[in-house]
């Protein structure tokens, strides 16, 4: 079994050195080879570009080559949290208040192990959500098994793209290719 705390302690300084914040580190065993998933973001945008992902991947690989913290073969996957991001830290619940979320719980609240609705926010480690079926519910952050934002038009409108540089060229290239066909 891989020690996740030890992995986070190795990965987080590498992310911070690049100016990134950790969102989630997860080791997933599946049908193929196991995957170490590292999700990080730039604090100012909440996103991570492809060059950022590559830079963090290189730093993690170099660090892991030195200390070899995972005995078995695995694949390293570094990504941005994406638009329908997981909510893993207290600040995520504050930052994304007003958006739709799905929260899976360890222990049921109002006889439900999943709450889905408008995220109200967090105060003193207590998350509030206006659940679609049962109204306003509260639960401790420590009772959350997993949570993520739900993709909605409001979320799309609220999400600032990392960069739109080059979008015009891509659009022009696409139009040119379509006109040639």
Protein backbone atom coordinates (compact mmCIF):
# COMPACT_ATOMS: atom_id res chain seq x y z
CA UNK A 1 0.00 0.00 0.00
CA UNK A 2 1.33 3.40 -0.98
CA UNK A 3 1.68 5.99 1.79
CA UNK A 4 -0.37 8.91 0.44
CA UNK A 5 0.81 11.33 3.13
CA UNK A 6 4.42 10.63 2.18
CA UNK A 7 3.61 11.15 -1.52
CA UNK A 8 1.87 14.47 -0.82
CA UNK A 9 4.85 15.55 1.30
CA UNK A 10 7.16 14.84 -1.66
CA UNK A 11 4.92 16.38 -4.34
CA UNK A 12 3.66 19.53 -2.62
CA UNK A 13 7.06 21.29 -2.34
CA UNK A 14 7.65 20.65 -6.05
CA UNK A 15 4.28 22.24 -6.89
CA UNK A 16 4.92 25.20 -4.58
CA UNK A 17 8.35 25.77 -6.14
CA UNK A 18 6.54 26.35 -9.45
CA UNK A 19 3.97 28.64 -7.82
CA UNK A 20 1.16 26.06 -7.85
CA UNK A 21 -1.21 24.83 -5.15
CA UNK A 22 -2.08 21.17 -4.72
CA UNK A 23 -5.73 20.27 -5.26
CA UNK A 24 -5.57 16.49 -4.96
CA UNK A 25 -3.15 13.56 -5.02
CA UNK A 26 -4.74 10.19 -5.63
CA UNK A 27 -3.41 6.72 -6.40
CA UNK A 28 -5.82 4.79 -8.63
CA UNK A 29 -5.50 1.08 -9.26
CA UNK A 30 -7.43 -0.04 -12.31
CA UNK A 31 -7.44 -2.62 -15.06
CA UNK A 32 -4.31 -1.10 -16.58
CA UNK A 33 -1.26 -0.10 -14.59
CA UNK A 34 -1.88 1.96 -11.43
CA UNK A 35 -1.95 5.74 -11.89
CA UNK A 36 -0.70 8.46 -9.59
CA UNK A 37 -3.02 11.39 -10.29
CA UNK A 38 -1.74 14.81 -9.28
CA UNK A 39 -4.07 17.78 -9.62
CA UNK A 40 -2.74 21.29 -9.09
CA UNK A 41 -3.66 24.86 -9.98
CA UNK A 42 -2.30 28.35 -10.27
CA UNK A 43 -3.81 30.25 -7.30
CA UNK A 44 -4.59 33.29 -9.44
CA UNK A 45 -6.58 31.36 -12.08
CA UNK A 46 -7.62 28.07 -10.47
CA UNK A 47 -6.28 26.34 -13.57
CA UNK A 48 -3.10 24.80 -14.94
CA UNK A 49 -1.93 25.02 -18.55
CA UNK A 50 -0.35 22.18 -20.49
CA UNK A 51 3.16 23.65 -20.08
CA UNK A 52 2.52 23.92 -16.32
CA UNK A 53 1.46 20.26 -16.22
CA UNK A 54 4.60 19.23 -18.08
CA UNK A 55 6.85 21.27 -15.76
CA UNK A 56 5.27 19.77 -12.64
CA UNK A 57 5.41 16.27 -14.10
CA UNK A 58 9.15 16.66 -14.77
CA UNK A 59 9.82 17.91 -11.22
CA UNK A 60 7.84 15.07 -9.66
CA UNK A 61 9.55 12.48 -11.87
CA UNK A 62 13.00 13.82 -10.95
CA UNK A 63 12.12 13.78 -7.24
CA UNK A 64 10.70 10.26 -7.44
CA UNK A 65 13.79 9.06 -9.32
CA UNK A 66 15.83 10.16 -6.28
CA UNK A 67 13.68 8.62 -3.53
CA UNK A 68 11.61 5.91 -5.36
CA UNK A 69 8.52 6.14 -3.09
CA UNK A 70 6.34 3.72 -5.10
CA UNK A 71 7.50 0.12 -5.37
CA UNK A 72 5.25 -1.02 -8.22
CA UNK A 73 5.09 0.23 -11.80
CA UNK A 74 2.71 3.16 -12.22
CA UNK A 75 1.79 5.98 -14.58
CA UNK A 76 2.08 9.64 -13.48
CA UNK A 77 -0.81 11.89 -14.54
CA UNK A 78 -0.62 15.63 -13.82
CA UNK A 79 -3.64 17.80 -14.57
CA UNK A 80 -5.62 20.93 -13.89
CA UNK A 81 -8.74 20.49 -11.74
CA UNK A 82 -10.90 21.36 -14.76
CA UNK A 83 -14.16 23.24 -14.82
CA UNK A 84 -16.19 20.63 -12.90
CA UNK A 85 -13.40 20.41 -10.37
CA UNK A 86 -13.28 18.35 -7.20
CA UNK A 87 -13.80 20.21 -3.96
CA UNK A 88 -11.01 19.01 -1.67
CA UNK A 89 -10.10 21.94 0.56
CA UNK A 90 -12.14 24.22 2.83
CA UNK A 91 -11.33 27.19 0.59
CA UNK A 92 -12.88 25.38 -2.40
CA UNK A 93 -16.27 25.44 -0.67
CA UNK A 94 -15.91 29.17 -0.03
CA UNK A 95 -14.55 30.02 -3.48
CA UNK A 96 -17.25 28.11 -5.35
CA UNK A 97 -20.26 29.07 -3.22
CA UNK A 98 -23.24 29.84 -5.44
CA UNK A 99 -22.53 26.96 -7.83
CA UNK A 100 -24.08 23.50 -8.11
CA UNK A 101 -22.17 20.71 -6.35
CA UNK A 102 -22.49 17.02 -5.55
CA UNK A 103 -21.18 15.95 -2.15
CA UNK A 104 -20.81 12.27 -1.24
CA UNK A 105 -20.78 11.71 2.49
CA UNK A 106 -19.17 9.22 4.85
CA UNK A 107 -22.15 9.32 7.23
CA UNK A 108 -25.68 10.16 6.04
CA UNK A 109 -27.24 13.57 6.65
CA UNK A 110 -31.05 13.74 6.53
CA UNK A 111 -30.95 10.04 5.61
CA UNK A 112 -28.89 10.83 2.49
CA UNK A 113 -25.31 9.91 1.68
CA UNK A 114 -25.27 12.26 -1.31
CA UNK A 115 -26.24 15.91 -1.35
CA UNK A 116 -26.70 17.76 -4.61
CA UNK A 117 -27.66 21.37 -5.07
CA UNK A 118 -26.50 24.94 -4.70
CA UNK A 119 -23.37 25.22 -2.58
CA UNK A 120 -23.92 27.88 0.08
CA UNK A 121 -20.39 27.84 1.49
CA UNK A 122 -18.41 26.84 4.55
CA UNK A 123 -18.01 28.31 8.01
CA UNK A 124 -15.96 26.81 10.83
CA UNK A 125 -15.44 23.59 8.83
CA UNK A 126 -19.23 23.17 8.36
CA UNK A 127 -20.37 22.97 4.73
CA UNK A 128 -23.83 24.25 3.79
CA UNK A 129 -25.68 23.21 0.65
CA UNK A 130 -29.21 23.81 -0.56
CA UNK A 131 -29.99 20.21 -1.50
CA UNK A 132 -32.51 19.88 -4.35
CA UNK A 133 -34.62 17.31 -2.51
CA UNK A 134 -34.21 17.98 1.19
CA UNK A 135 -33.51 21.73 1.41
CA UNK A 136 -30.63 23.33 3.28
CA UNK A 137 -28.27 20.76 4.78
CA UNK A 138 -25.06 21.09 6.74
CA UNK A 139 -22.24 18.66 7.29
CA UNK A 140 -18.73 18.73 8.65
CA UNK A 141 -15.92 18.89 6.11
CA UNK A 142 -14.54 15.76 7.79
CA UNK A 143 -17.76 13.91 6.79
CA UNK A 144 -17.12 14.46 3.06
CA UNK A 145 -15.98 11.39 1.15
CA UNK A 146 -15.78 13.24 -2.18
CA UNK A 147 -17.26 16.35 -3.75
CA UNK A 148 -17.21 18.12 -7.08
CA UNK A 149 -18.81 20.96 -8.95
CA UNK A 150 -21.57 20.18 -11.44
CA UNK A 151 -21.10 21.53 -14.96
CA UNK A 152 -23.71 24.26 -15.51
CA UNK A 153 -24.01 27.34 -17.70
CA UNK A 154 -23.40 29.50 -14.61
CA UNK A 155 -20.17 27.63 -13.85
CA UNK A 156 -18.99 27.96 -17.44
CA UNK A 157 -19.71 31.70 -17.37
CA UNK A 158 -17.84 32.08 -14.06
CA UNK A 159 -14.74 30.22 -15.17
CA UNK A 160 -12.00 32.37 -16.63
CA UNK A 161 -10.00 30.64 -19.37
CA UNK A 162 -6.27 30.37 -18.72
CA UNK A 163 -5.59 32.08 -22.01
CA UNK A 164 -7.46 32.70 -25.21
CA UNK A 165 -4.20 33.46 -27.03
CA UNK A 166 -4.20 31.74 -30.39
CA UNK A 167 -7.95 31.09 -30.39
CA UNK A 168 -8.40 33.35 -33.43
CA UNK A 169 -5.80 31.38 -35.40
CA UNK A 170 -7.45 28.08 -34.51
CA UNK A 171 -10.85 29.42 -35.56
CA UNK A 172 -9.41 30.80 -38.82
CA UNK A 173 -7.62 27.51 -39.57
CA UNK A 174 -10.84 25.58 -38.97
CA UNK A 175 -12.80 27.90 -41.24
CA UNK A 176 -10.15 27.65 -43.97
CA UNK A 177 -10.17 23.82 -43.77
CA UNK A 178 -13.99 23.74 -43.95
CA UNK A 179 -13.99 26.11 -46.96
CA UNK A 180 -11.47 23.89 -48.76
CA UNK A 181 -13.66 20.78 -48.31
